[in-house]
Amino acid sequence: MQPALIRPLLAFCAISLLTVSARGNAQAYPTKSIRLIVPFAAGGSTDALARAVGQKLGESLGQQVVVDNRTGATGNIGTDLVAKASPDGYTLLMAFDATMVINPSAYKKLPFDPVKDFTPITEVAALPLILAAHPSFPANNVKELIAYARQKPGINYSSSGYASTPHLAMVLFAQRTGTQFTHIAYKGGGQAVVDVLGGQVPLIATAIPTVQAHIKAGKLKAIGLTSGKRHPSLPDVGTFAEAGLPGFDVSAWYGLLAPAGTPKTVIARLHDEVVKILQSPEMKERFLTTIGGDPVGDTPEAFAATIKNDMARWAKIVKESGIKLE
C-alpha cells in the first residue's frame, strides 16, 4: 500500500479506537462510589432530599452514593468544594436555590461562579413556600393581611435566615403591596417555628413541611402560599396570586449539579437515572408526605435557564432592598 494512503488509514483507526474507548468509559461509569455534597447540616430539607434521591440513585447505578454534609457560609463552603472538584462525575452537589441564585448578589464576592463553575443535571424539586400565623393574629388570608399591614406597618415575621428564599419572597410581597414588615432572621427553621407557636412572633415565612402539621392541628393558621398554584397537602389554602397579585410565584428549589467540564455522557446518564427516580410512584408519594416538595426532573438546559433567570430576578430585589451578607 502506498505511504500516502497508509497515513489517513492509521489516523482513522486511531480516532475509531478513541471513540470506542470513550464509549466504553461512559458505559462503565460509575466504577466507584459517588460523593453527594450537601452544603447544609444533616437533618434539614436539603439533606433529607439528598438522602432520599441518593439512596435510589445508588441502587440504580450499582454504586454507593455517599451524602457528605459540608456546612458553612449559607451553603458557600460545600458549594465551592464541588466547584473545585475533579469533573469526573464522582463529586456532585445537591444545591439549594438561595446559595446559587441569591448569594451571588447578597455577597460582595463568592469563591465560585454559579454558571461557569457547574454543569446542571436536573432540578430535583420545587418546594412551595407558605406564610403562616399564630391563631391570634387578626388577618386570616392574604387580602386581610394586606389591609391590616397598611394600617399597622412593621409587623414582625420570622424566617429560617437572612437572604433566604422566604425572606426575599416577603420583600417582594411588601414591594408589590406597598406594605412594610420587620424581618426576624433565625439560623434555621426550628426556633423560628417555636417562637411563632408561642406567639412571640406573629408570622412565619417558610416551606410547607416546616409548618404543615401545626396548621392541620390548628396551632397555626395558613395565610397564603407564595407559589403559583395551590398545593395538594393544603388544598384549602389560597395563593398570593389568587389574592390579587398576578404572576406572584416564589418557590424554593433543589437541584443536582456537577463540576463544569464533566463529560456529557456522564451528565446524560445521571440525568436519565434521576428523572426515572423522580417519576416513580414511590418517590412521588415520599415527596408529598415526607419531603413536601414537588418532583421536577427537567432537562439540564431547562435547569440552567432557571438558574440564570432566578439570578437576574433576585439580583434586582437584593439591590433594591439593600440586602448584604458578609
C-alpha atoms as a PDB file:
ATOM      1  CA  MET A   1       0.000   0.000   0.000  1.00  0.00           C
ATOM      2  CA  GLN A   2       1.268   3.469  -0.809  1.00  0.00           C
ATOM      3  CA  PRO A   3       2.510   5.639   2.116  1.00  0.00           C
ATOM      4  CA  ALA A   4       0.092   8.400   1.132  1.00  0.00           C
ATOM      5  CA  LEU A   5      -2.801   6.024   1.763  1.00  0.00           C
ATOM      6  CA  ILE A   6      -1.399   4.477   4.937  1.00  0.00           C
ATOM      7  CA  ARG A   7      -1.286   7.697   6.960  1.00  0.00           C
ATOM      8  CA  PRO A   8      -5.032   8.541   6.601  1.00  0.00           C
ATOM      9  CA  LEU A   9      -5.894   4.923   7.379  1.00  0.00           C
ATOM     10  CA  LEU A  10      -3.819   4.949  10.562  1.00  0.00           C
ATOM     11  CA  ALA A  11      -5.408   8.237  11.609  1.00  0.00           C
ATOM     12  CA  PHE A  12      -8.874   6.802  11.029  1.00  0.00           C
ATOM     13  CA  CYS A  13      -8.053   3.723  13.109  1.00  0.00           C
ATOM     14  CA  ALA A  14      -6.726   5.874  15.955  1.00  0.00           C
ATOM     15  CA  ILE A  15      -9.857   8.004  16.021  1.00  0.00           C
ATOM     16  CA  SER A  16     -12.037   4.878  15.969  1.00  0.00           C
ATOM     17  CA  LEU A  17     -10.146   3.390  18.912  1.00  0.00           C
ATOM     18  CA  LEU A  18     -10.546   6.613  20.899  1.00  0.00           C
ATOM     19  CA  THR A  19     -14.272   6.705  20.157  1.00  0.00           C
ATOM     20  CA  VAL A  20     -14.723   3.088  21.255  1.00  0.00           C
ATOM     21  CA  SER A  21     -12.668   3.763  24.380  1.00  0.00           C
ATOM     22  CA  ALA A  22     -14.765   6.843  25.246  1.00  0.00           C
ATOM     23  CA  ARG A  23     -17.972   4.870  24.806  1.00  0.00           C
ATOM     24  CA  GLY A  24     -16.597   2.085  26.955  1.00  0.00           C
ATOM     25  CA  ASN A  25     -15.692   4.516  29.729  1.00  0.00           C
ATOM     26  CA  ALA A  26     -19.115   6.156  29.590  1.00  0.00           C
ATOM     27  CA  GLN A  27     -20.848   2.802  29.792  1.00  0.00           C
ATOM     28  CA  ALA A  28     -18.615   1.757  32.679  1.00  0.00           C
ATOM     29  CA  TYR A  29     -19.466   4.845  34.766  1.00  0.00           C
ATOM     30  CA  PRO A  30     -19.630   4.673  37.695  1.00  0.00           C
ATOM     31  CA  THR A  31     -16.869   2.305  38.785  1.00  0.00           C
ATOM     32  CA  LYS A  32     -16.698   3.555  42.370  1.00  0.00           C
ATOM     33  CA  SER A  33     -18.820   5.349  44.970  1.00  0.00           C
ATOM     34  CA  ILE A  34     -20.141   8.859  44.296  1.00  0.00           C
ATOM     35  CA  ARG A  35     -19.917  11.664  46.823  1.00  0.00           C
ATOM     36  CA  LEU A  36     -23.016  13.867  47.006  1.00  0.00           C
ATOM     37  CA  ILE A  37     -22.190  17.132  48.764  1.00  0.00           C
ATOM     38  CA  VAL A  38     -24.916  18.773  50.828  1.00  0.00           C
ATOM     39  CA  PRO A  39     -23.821  22.305  51.791  1.00  0.00           C
ATOM     40  CA  PHE A  40     -26.063  22.328  54.865  1.00  0.00           C
ATOM     41  CA  ALA A  41     -26.332  20.396  58.124  1.00  0.00           C
ATOM     42  CA  ALA A  42     -27.782  16.908  58.427  1.00  0.00           C
ATOM     43  CA  GLY A  43     -31.460  16.785  59.250  1.00  0.00           C
ATOM     44  CA  GLY A  44     -32.528  19.738  57.112  1.00  0.00           C
ATOM     45  CA  SER A  45     -34.648  19.646  53.974  1.00  0.00           C
ATOM     46  CA  THR A  46     -31.656  19.667  51.573  1.00  0.00           C
ATOM     47  CA  ASP A  47     -30.121  16.758  53.463  1.00  0.00           C
ATOM     48  CA  ALA A  48     -33.379  14.780  53.547  1.00  0.00           C
ATOM     49  CA  LEU A  49     -33.852  15.220  49.820  1.00  0.00           C
ATOM     50  CA  ALA A  50     -30.256  14.266  49.038  1.00  0.00           C
ATOM     51  CA  ARG A  51     -30.507  11.086  51.095  1.00  0.00           C
ATOM     52  CA  ALA A  52     -33.812  10.052  49.532  1.00  0.00           C
ATOM     53  CA  VAL A  53     -32.619  10.576  45.966  1.00  0.00           C
ATOM     54  CA  GLY A  54     -29.069   9.416  46.697  1.00  0.00           C
ATOM     55  CA  GLN A  55     -30.220   6.059  48.034  1.00  0.00           C
ATOM     56  CA  LYS A  56     -32.267   5.306  44.930  1.00  0.00           C
ATOM     57  CA  LEU A  57     -29.571   6.647  42.616  1.00  0.00           C
ATOM     58  CA  GLY A  58     -27.020   4.343  44.216  1.00  0.00           C
ATOM     59  CA  GLU A  59     -29.308   1.382  43.681  1.00  0.00           C
ATOM     60  CA  SER A  60     -29.874   2.215  40.010  1.00  0.00           C
ATOM     61  CA  LEU A  61     -26.188   2.879  39.289  1.00  0.00           C
ATOM     62  CA  GLY A  62     -24.886  -0.094  41.254  1.00  0.00           C
ATOM     63  CA  GLN A  63     -22.549   2.069  43.327  1.00  0.00           C
ATOM     64  CA  GLN A  64     -22.991   3.708  46.719  1.00  0.00           C
ATOM     65  CA  VAL A  65     -23.906   7.398  46.791  1.00  0.00           C
ATOM     66  CA  VAL A  66     -22.391   8.856  49.959  1.00  0.00           C
ATOM     67  CA  VAL A  67     -24.003  12.037  51.315  1.00  0.00           C
ATOM     68  CA  ASP A  68     -21.339  14.392  52.660  1.00  0.00           C
ATOM     69  CA  ASN A  69     -22.525  17.413  54.684  1.00  0.00           C
ATOM     70  CA  ARG A  70     -20.154  20.377  54.294  1.00  0.00           C
ATOM     71  CA  THR A  71     -21.726  23.321  56.100  1.00  0.00           C
ATOM     72  CA  GLY A  72     -20.912  26.985  56.468  1.00  0.00           C
ATOM     73  CA  ALA A  73     -21.367  30.448  54.944  1.00  0.00           C
ATOM     74  CA  THR A  74     -25.012  29.841  53.945  1.00  0.00           C
ATOM     75  CA  GLY A  75     -24.015  26.982  51.687  1.00  0.00           C
ATOM     76  CA  ASN A  76     -20.974  28.595  50.071  1.00  0.00           C
ATOM     77  CA  ILE A  77     -18.350  26.261  51.564  1.00  0.00           C
ATOM     78  CA  GLY A  78     -19.844  22.997  50.335  1.00  0.00           C
ATOM     79  CA  THR A  79     -20.808  24.508  47.010  1.00  0.00           C
ATOM     80  CA  ASP A  80     -17.279  25.799  46.421  1.00  0.00           C
ATOM     81  CA  LEU A  81     -15.893  22.361  47.240  1.00  0.00           C
ATOM     82  CA  VAL A  82     -17.847  20.898  44.322  1.00  0.00           C
ATOM     83  CA  ALA A  83     -16.918  23.786  42.021  1.00  0.00           C
ATOM     84  CA  LYS A  84     -13.248  22.897  42.513  1.00  0.00           C
ATOM     85  CA  ALA A  85     -13.675  19.101  42.420  1.00  0.00           C
ATOM     86  CA  SER A  86     -12.487  16.897  39.576  1.00  0.00           C
ATOM     87  CA  PRO A  87     -15.099  16.922  36.765  1.00  0.00           C
ATOM     88  CA  ASP A  88     -15.381  13.148  36.545  1.00  0.00           C
ATOM     89  CA  GLY A  89     -18.897  12.542  37.871  1.00  0.00           C
ATOM     90  CA  TYR A  90     -17.790  11.302  41.281  1.00  0.00           C
ATOM     91  CA  THR A  91     -18.454  14.533  43.185  1.00  0.00           C
ATOM     92  CA  LEU A  92     -21.938  16.046  42.847  1.00  0.00           C
ATOM     93  CA  LEU A  93     -23.839  18.850  44.539  1.00  0.00           C
ATOM     94  CA  MET A  94     -27.373  18.889  45.904  1.00  0.00           C
ATOM     95  CA  ALA A  95     -27.829  22.631  45.590  1.00  0.00           C
ATOM     96  CA  PHE A  96     -30.364  24.875  47.290  1.00  0.00           C
ATOM     97  CA  ASP A  97     -31.564  27.856  45.303  1.00  0.00           C
ATOM     98  CA  ALA A  98     -30.602  30.570  47.804  1.00  0.00           C
ATOM     99  CA  THR A  99     -26.921  29.631  47.596  1.00  0.00           C
ATOM    100  CA  MET A 100     -26.901  29.553  43.797  1.00  0.00           C
ATOM    101  CA  VAL A 101     -29.127  32.496  42.868  1.00  0.00           C
ATOM    102  CA  ILE A 102     -29.338  34.822  45.903  1.00  0.00           C
ATOM    103  CA  ASN A 103     -25.835  34.634  47.368  1.00  0.00           C
ATOM    104  CA  PRO A 104     -24.205  35.957  44.162  1.00  0.00           C
ATOM    105  CA  SER A 105     -25.983  39.275  44.720  1.00  0.00           C
ATOM    106  CA  ALA A 106     -26.008  39.323  48.519  1.00  0.00           C
ATOM    107  CA  TYR A 107     -22.290  38.615  48.963  1.00  0.00           C
ATOM    108  CA  LYS A 108     -19.694  41.122  47.811  1.00  0.00           C
ATOM    109  CA  LYS A 109     -17.591  38.240  46.495  1.00  0.00           C
ATOM    110  CA  LEU A 110     -18.122  34.497  46.097  1.00  0.00           C
ATOM    111  CA  PRO A 111     -15.400  31.867  45.659  1.00  0.00           C
ATOM    112  CA  PHE A 112     -17.399  30.243  42.834  1.00  0.00           C
ATOM    113  CA  ASP A 113     -19.462  31.246  39.803  1.00  0.00           C
ATOM    114  CA  PRO A 114     -22.889  29.552  39.800  1.00  0.00           C
ATOM    115  CA  VAL A 115     -22.987  29.495  35.994  1.00  0.00           C
ATOM    116  CA  LYS A 116     -19.377  28.999  34.873  1.00  0.00           C
ATOM    117  CA  ASP A 117     -18.255  26.534  37.559  1.00  0.00           C
ATOM    118  CA  PHE A 118     -21.090  23.999  37.312  1.00  0.00           C
ATOM    119  CA  THR A 119     -22.863  21.760  34.841  1.00  0.00           C
ATOM    120  CA  PRO A 120     -26.582  21.420  35.677  1.00  0.00           C
ATOM    121  CA  ILE A 121     -28.015  17.906  35.684  1.00  0.00           C
ATOM    122  CA  THR A 122     -31.645  18.472  36.681  1.00  0.00           C
ATOM    123  CA  GLU A 123     -33.847  20.445  39.034  1.00  0.00           C
ATOM    124  CA  VAL A 124     -34.862  17.818  41.553  1.00  0.00           C
ATOM    125  CA  ALA A 125     -37.671  19.510  43.465  1.00  0.00           C
ATOM    126  CA  ALA A 126     -39.629  22.715  43.870  1.00  0.00           C
ATOM    127  CA  LEU A 127     -40.609  23.495  47.452  1.00  0.00           C
ATOM    128  CA  PRO A 128     -43.693  25.700  47.832  1.00  0.00           C
ATOM    129  CA  LEU A 129     -43.456  28.423  50.455  1.00  0.00           C
ATOM    130  CA  ILE A 130     -46.171  29.495  52.848  1.00  0.00           C
ATOM    131  CA  LEU A 131     -46.920  32.413  55.129  1.00  0.00           C
ATOM    132  CA  ALA A 132     -48.446  31.205  58.391  1.00  0.00           C
ATOM    133  CA  ALA A 133     -49.557  32.975  61.554  1.00  0.00           C
ATOM    134  CA  HIS A 134     -50.287  32.427  65.220  1.00  0.00           C
ATOM    135  CA  PRO A 135     -54.035  31.759  65.659  1.00  0.00           C
ATOM    136  CA  SER A 136     -54.448  35.076  67.487  1.00  0.00           C
ATOM    137  CA  PHE A 137     -53.220  37.123  64.516  1.00  0.00           C
ATOM    138  CA  PRO A 138     -56.072  39.344  63.217  1.00  0.00           C
ATOM    139  CA  ALA A 139     -55.701  38.538  59.485  1.00  0.00           C
ATOM    140  CA  ASN A 140     -56.867  35.194  58.129  1.00  0.00           C
ATOM    141  CA  ASN A 141     -55.790  35.443  54.484  1.00  0.00           C
ATOM    142  CA  VAL A 142     -53.620  37.488  52.141  1.00  0.00           C
ATOM    143  CA  LYS A 143     -56.218  40.190  51.403  1.00  0.00           C
ATOM    144  CA  GLU A 144     -56.854  40.734  55.103  1.00  0.00           C
ATOM    145  CA  LEU A 145     -53.103  40.765  55.752  1.00  0.00           C
ATOM    146  CA  ILE A 146     -52.545  43.497  53.167  1.00  0.00           C
ATOM    147  CA  ALA A 147     -55.275  45.655  54.674  1.00  0.00           C
ATOM    148  CA  TYR A 148     -54.006  45.085  58.220  1.00  0.00           C
ATOM    149  CA  ALA A 149     -50.359  45.707  57.281  1.00  0.00           C
ATOM    150  CA  ARG A 150     -51.248  49.026  55.695  1.00  0.00           C
ATOM    151  CA  GLN A 151     -52.803  50.074  58.998  1.00  0.00           C
ATOM    152  CA  LYS A 152     -50.028  48.581  61.144  1.00  0.00           C
ATOM    153  CA  PRO A 153     -46.704  48.891  59.282  1.00  0.00           C
ATOM    154  CA  GLY A 154     -43.696  46.987  60.611  1.00  0.00           C
ATOM    155  CA  ILE A 155     -45.385  43.682  61.575  1.00  0.00           C
ATOM    156  CA  ASN A 156     -42.770  41.107  62.597  1.00  0.00           C
ATOM    157  CA  TYR A 157     -42.297  37.872  60.689  1.00  0.00           C
ATOM    158  CA  SER A 158     -39.694  35.136  61.057  1.00  0.00           C
ATOM    159  CA  SER A 159     -37.815  33.044  58.523  1.00  0.00           C
ATOM    160  CA  SER A 160     -35.042  30.463  58.526  1.00  0.00           C
ATOM    161  CA  GLY A 161     -32.421  33.040  57.641  1.00  0.00           C
ATOM    162  CA  TYR A 162     -31.395  36.412  56.296  1.00  0.00           C
ATOM    163  CA  ALA A 163     -31.328  36.469  52.470  1.00  0.00           C
ATOM    164  CA  SER A 164     -33.181  33.140  52.356  1.00  0.00           C
ATOM    165  CA  THR A 165     -35.828  32.492  49.724  1.00  0.00           C
ATOM    166  CA  PRO A 166     -38.709  33.048  52.211  1.00  0.00           C
ATOM    167  CA  HIS A 167     -37.107  36.350  53.257  1.00  0.00           C
ATOM    168  CA  LEU A 168     -36.910  37.582  49.666  1.00  0.00           C
ATOM    169  CA  ALA A 169     -40.435  36.350  48.953  1.00  0.00           C
ATOM    170  CA  MET A 170     -41.678  38.650  51.718  1.00  0.00           C
ATOM    171  CA  VAL A 171     -39.541  41.532  50.446  1.00  0.00           C
ATOM    172  CA  LEU A 172     -41.154  41.070  47.040  1.00  0.00           C
ATOM    173  CA  PHE A 173     -44.600  40.863  48.654  1.00  0.00           C
ATOM    174  CA  ALA A 174     -44.021  44.130  50.519  1.00  0.00           C
ATOM    175  CA  GLN A 175     -42.876  45.822  47.311  1.00  0.00           C
ATOM    176  CA  ARG A 176     -45.891  44.589  45.362  1.00  0.00           C
ATOM    177  CA  THR A 177     -48.421  45.646  48.023  1.00  0.00           C
ATOM    178  CA  GLY A 178     -46.889  48.843  49.370  1.00  0.00           C
ATOM    179  CA  THR A 179     -46.617  47.374  52.867  1.00  0.00           C
ATOM    180  CA  GLN A 180     -43.803  47.171  55.401  1.00  0.00           C
ATOM    181  CA  PHE A 181     -42.732  44.230  57.546  1.00  0.00           C
ATOM    182  CA  THR A 182     -39.907  43.638  60.025  1.00  0.00           C
ATOM    183  CA  HIS A 183     -37.858  40.537  59.323  1.00  0.00           C
ATOM    184  CA  ILE A 184     -36.689  38.417  62.272  1.00  0.00           C
ATOM    185  CA  ALA A 185     -33.989  36.129  60.868  1.00  0.00           C
ATOM    186  CA  TYR A 186     -33.259  32.829  62.603  1.00  0.00           C
ATOM    187  CA  LYS A 187     -30.454  30.367  61.974  1.00  0.00           C
ATOM    188  CA  GLY A 188     -32.603  27.513  60.743  1.00  0.00           C
ATOM    189  CA  GLY A 189     -36.333  26.982  60.898  1.00  0.00           C
ATOM    190  CA  GLY A 190     -36.681  25.211  64.263  1.00  0.00           C
ATOM    191  CA  GLN A 191     -36.638  28.135  66.674  1.00  0.00           C
ATOM    192  CA  ALA A 192     -38.491  30.320  64.181  1.00  0.00           C
ATOM    193  CA  VAL A 193     -41.423  27.910  64.350  1.00  0.00           C
ATOM    194  CA  VAL A 194     -41.245  27.629  68.141  1.00  0.00           C
ATOM    195  CA  ASP A 195     -41.480  31.393  68.577  1.00  0.00           C
ATOM    196  CA  VAL A 196     -44.478  31.692  66.262  1.00  0.00           C
ATOM    197  CA  LEU A 197     -46.211  28.814  68.035  1.00  0.00           C
ATOM    198  CA  GLY A 198     -45.589  30.628  71.308  1.00  0.00           C
ATOM    199  CA  GLY A 199     -46.883  33.939  69.974  1.00  0.00           C
ATOM    200  CA  GLN A 200     -43.568  35.804  70.345  1.00  0.00           C
ATOM    201  CA  VAL A 201     -43.579  36.436  66.574  1.00  0.00           C
ATOM    202  CA  PRO A 202     -46.943  36.670  64.786  1.00  0.00           C
ATOM    203  CA  LEU A 203     -45.934  35.458  61.294  1.00  0.00           C
ATOM    204  CA  ILE A 204     -43.548  32.993  59.687  1.00  0.00           C
ATOM    205  CA  ALA A 205     -42.490  32.654  56.060  1.00  0.00           C
ATOM    206  CA  THR A 206     -41.205  29.158  55.428  1.00  0.00           C
ATOM    207  CA  ALA A 207     -41.544  25.962  53.410  1.00  0.00           C
ATOM    208  CA  ILE A 208     -44.762  23.979  53.725  1.00  0.00           C
ATOM    209  CA  PRO A 209     -43.273  20.926  55.522  1.00  0.00           C
ATOM    210  CA  THR A 210     -41.972  23.131  58.343  1.00  0.00           C
ATOM    211  CA  VAL A 211     -45.455  24.138  59.498  1.00  0.00           C
ATOM    212  CA  GLN A 212     -47.847  21.749  57.769  1.00  0.00           C
ATOM    213  CA  ALA A 213     -48.523  19.573  60.827  1.00  0.00           C
ATOM    214  CA  HIS A 214     -49.059  22.643  63.049  1.00  0.00           C
ATOM    215  CA  ILE A 215     -51.562  24.086  60.572  1.00  0.00           C
ATOM    216  CA  LYS A 216     -53.529  20.843  60.399  1.00  0.00           C
ATOM    217  CA  ALA A 217     -53.508  20.652  64.208  1.00  0.00           C
ATOM    218  CA  GLY A 218     -54.862  24.207  64.487  1.00  0.00           C
ATOM    219  CA  LYS A 219     -51.757  25.512  66.266  1.00  0.00           C
ATOM    220  CA  LEU A 220     -51.004  27.846  63.354  1.00  0.00           C
ATOM    221  CA  LYS A 221     -53.168  29.227  60.576  1.00  0.00           C
ATOM    222  CA  ALA A 222     -52.212  29.499  56.935  1.00  0.00           C
ATOM    223  CA  ILE A 223     -52.326  32.963  55.397  1.00  0.00           C
ATOM    224  CA  GLY A 224     -51.321  32.061  51.850  1.00  0.00           C
ATOM    225  CA  LEU A 225     -48.952  30.256  49.511  1.00  0.00           C
ATOM    226  CA  THR A 226     -46.286  32.161  47.603  1.00  0.00           C
ATOM    227  CA  SER A 227     -46.187  29.517  44.848  1.00  0.00           C
ATOM    228  CA  GLY A 228     -48.143  29.938  41.635  1.00  0.00           C
ATOM    229  CA  LYS A 229     -50.669  27.210  42.411  1.00  0.00           C
ATOM    230  CA  ARG A 230     -52.272  25.530  45.409  1.00  0.00           C
ATOM    231  CA  HIS A 231     -50.603  22.518  46.963  1.00  0.00           C
ATOM    232  CA  PRO A 232     -52.307  19.116  47.405  1.00  0.00           C
ATOM    233  CA  SER A 233     -51.121  18.842  51.010  1.00  0.00           C
ATOM    234  CA  LEU A 234     -53.075  22.024  51.914  1.00  0.00           C
ATOM    235  CA  PRO A 235     -55.742  22.287  49.191  1.00  0.00           C
ATOM    236  CA  ASP A 236     -57.835  24.905  51.017  1.00  0.00           C
ATOM    237  CA  VAL A 237     -55.001  27.427  51.280  1.00  0.00           C
ATOM    238  CA  GLY A 238     -55.077  30.077  48.550  1.00  0.00           C
ATOM    239  CA  THR A 239     -52.110  31.671  46.796  1.00  0.00           C
ATOM    240  CA  PHE A 240     -50.834  35.234  46.798  1.00  0.00           C
ATOM    241  CA  ALA A 241     -51.712  35.377  43.083  1.00  0.00           C
ATOM    242  CA  GLU A 242     -55.324  34.465  43.823  1.00  0.00           C
ATOM    243  CA  ALA A 243     -55.464  37.315  46.331  1.00  0.00           C
ATOM    244  CA  GLY A 244     -54.831  39.913  43.645  1.00  0.00           C
ATOM    245  CA  LEU A 245     -51.089  39.646  42.954  1.00  0.00           C
ATOM    246  CA  PRO A 246     -50.990  38.176  39.428  1.00  0.00           C
ATOM    247  CA  GLY A 247     -47.773  36.428  38.497  1.00  0.00           C
ATOM    248  CA  PHE A 248     -46.588  36.136  42.092  1.00  0.00           C
ATOM    249  CA  ASP A 249     -44.799  32.793  42.108  1.00  0.00           C
ATOM    250  CA  VAL A 250     -41.941  32.053  44.502  1.00  0.00           C
ATOM    251  CA  SER A 251     -40.831  28.534  45.371  1.00  0.00           C
ATOM    252  CA  ALA A 252     -37.538  27.306  46.682  1.00  0.00           C
ATOM    253  CA  TRP A 253     -35.816  24.697  44.553  1.00  0.00           C
ATOM    254  CA  TYR A 254     -33.219  21.975  44.912  1.00  0.00           C
ATOM    255  CA  GLY A 255     -31.090  20.761  42.055  1.00  0.00           C
ATOM    256  CA  LEU A 256     -28.340  18.338  41.150  1.00  0.00           C
ATOM    257  CA  LEU A 257     -25.164  19.769  39.648  1.00  0.00           C
ATOM    258  CA  ALA A 258     -21.689  18.565  38.699  1.00  0.00           C
ATOM    259  CA  PRO A 259     -18.435  20.489  38.293  1.00  0.00           C
ATOM    260  CA  ALA A 260     -18.050  22.290  34.956  1.00  0.00           C
ATOM    261  CA  GLY A 261     -16.349  20.102  32.370  1.00  0.00           C
ATOM    262  CA  THR A 262     -17.986  16.850  33.469  1.00  0.00           C
ATOM    263  CA  PRO A 263     -18.389  14.659  30.350  1.00  0.00           C
ATOM    264  CA  LYS A 264     -21.737  14.970  28.589  1.00  0.00           C
ATOM    265  CA  THR A 265     -22.170  11.198  28.631  1.00  0.00           C
ATOM    266  CA  VAL A 266     -21.902  11.187  32.434  1.00  0.00           C
ATOM    267  CA  ILE A 267     -24.347  14.100  32.762  1.00  0.00           C
ATOM    268  CA  ALA A 268     -26.800  12.295  30.480  1.00  0.00           C
ATOM    269  CA  ARG A 269     -26.536   9.068  32.494  1.00  0.00           C
ATOM    270  CA  LEU A 270     -27.083  10.855  35.800  1.00  0.00           C
ATOM    271  CA  HIS A 271     -29.965  12.907  34.373  1.00  0.00           C
ATOM    272  CA  ASP A 272     -31.788   9.870  32.999  1.00  0.00           C
ATOM    273  CA  GLU A 273     -31.421   7.885  36.221  1.00  0.00           C
ATOM    274  CA  VAL A 274     -32.553  10.740  38.480  1.00  0.00           C
ATOM    275  CA  VAL A 275     -35.567  11.530  36.294  1.00  0.00           C
ATOM    276  CA  LYS A 276     -36.651   7.877  36.461  1.00  0.00           C
ATOM    277  CA  ILE A 277     -36.371   8.043  40.245  1.00  0.00           C
ATOM    278  CA  LEU A 278     -38.408  11.245  40.462  1.00  0.00           C
ATOM    279  CA  GLN A 279     -41.144   9.835  38.232  1.00  0.00           C
ATOM    280  CA  SER A 280     -41.587   6.659  40.278  1.00  0.00           C
ATOM    281  CA  PRO A 281     -44.844   6.418  42.284  1.00  0.00           C
ATOM    282  CA  GLU A 282     -42.859   5.628  45.430  1.00  0.00           C
ATOM    283  CA  MET A 283     -40.792   8.802  45.204  1.00  0.00           C
ATOM    284  CA  LYS A 284     -43.776  10.989  44.285  1.00  0.00           C
ATOM    285  CA  GLU A 285     -45.563   9.748  47.409  1.00  0.00           C
ATOM    286  CA  ARG A 286     -42.461  10.313  49.522  1.00  0.00           C
ATOM    287  CA  PHE A 287     -42.141  13.857  48.238  1.00  0.00           C
ATOM    288  CA  LEU A 288     -45.751  14.627  49.074  1.00  0.00           C
ATOM    289  CA  THR A 289     -45.867  13.077  52.546  1.00  0.00           C
ATOM    290  CA  THR A 290     -42.315  13.491  53.851  1.00  0.00           C
ATOM    291  CA  ILE A 291     -40.225  15.956  51.881  1.00  0.00           C
ATOM    292  CA  GLY A 292     -43.074  18.294  50.981  1.00  0.00           C
ATOM    293  CA  GLY A 293     -41.779  19.383  47.600  1.00  0.00           C
ATOM    294  CA  ASP A 294     -42.884  18.661  44.075  1.00  0.00           C
ATOM    295  CA  PRO A 295     -40.551  16.463  41.981  1.00  0.00           C
ATOM    296  CA  VAL A 296     -39.358  18.197  38.808  1.00  0.00           C
ATOM    297  CA  GLY A 297     -36.796  16.309  36.716  1.00  0.00           C
ATOM    298  CA  ASP A 298     -36.300  18.795  33.877  1.00  0.00           C
ATOM    299  CA  THR A 299     -33.518  18.851  31.277  1.00  0.00           C
ATOM    300  CA  PRO A 300     -30.030  20.200  32.017  1.00  0.00           C
ATOM    301  CA  GLU A 301     -30.756  23.068  29.613  1.00  0.00           C
ATOM    302  CA  ALA A 302     -34.016  23.984  31.349  1.00  0.00           C
ATOM    303  CA  PHE A 303     -32.344  23.859  34.763  1.00  0.00           C
ATOM    304  CA  ALA A 304     -29.513  26.080  33.506  1.00  0.00           C
ATOM    305  CA  ALA A 305     -32.123  28.602  32.318  1.00  0.00           C
ATOM    306  CA  THR A 306     -33.822  28.537  35.730  1.00  0.00           C
ATOM    307  CA  ILE A 307     -30.536  29.352  37.461  1.00  0.00           C
ATOM    308  CA  LYS A 308     -29.788  32.275  35.133  1.00  0.00           C
ATOM    309  CA  ASN A 309     -33.331  33.662  35.296  1.00  0.00           C
ATOM    310  CA  ASP A 310     -33.513  33.433  39.088  1.00  0.00           C
ATOM    311  CA  MET A 311     -30.112  35.105  39.480  1.00  0.00           C
ATOM    312  CA  ALA A 312     -31.364  38.066  37.457  1.00  0.00           C
ATOM    313  CA  ARG A 313     -34.695  38.155  39.285  1.00  0.00           C
ATOM    314  CA  TRP A 314     -33.235  38.183  42.799  1.00  0.00           C
ATOM    315  CA  ALA A 315     -30.347  40.500  41.909  1.00  0.00           C
ATOM    316  CA  LYS A 316     -32.888  43.254  41.355  1.00  0.00           C
ATOM    317  CA  ILE A 317     -34.679  42.584  44.650  1.00  0.00           C
ATOM    318  CA  VAL A 318     -31.418  42.333  46.616  1.00  0.00           C
ATOM    319  CA  LYS A 319     -30.140  45.612  45.186  1.00  0.00           C
ATOM    320  CA  GLU A 320     -33.390  47.499  45.791  1.00  0.00           C
ATOM    321  CA  SER A 321     -33.729  46.228  49.366  1.00  0.00           C
ATOM    322  CA  GLY A 322     -30.068  46.704  50.327  1.00  0.00           C
ATOM    323  CA  ILE A 323     -29.596  43.097  51.483  1.00  0.00           C
ATOM    324  CA  LYS A 324     -25.942  42.263  52.160  1.00  0.00           C
ATOM    325  CA  LEU A 325     -24.129  39.229  53.527  1.00  0.00           C
ATOM    326  CA  GLU A 326     -20.569  39.078  54.835  1.00  0.00           C
END
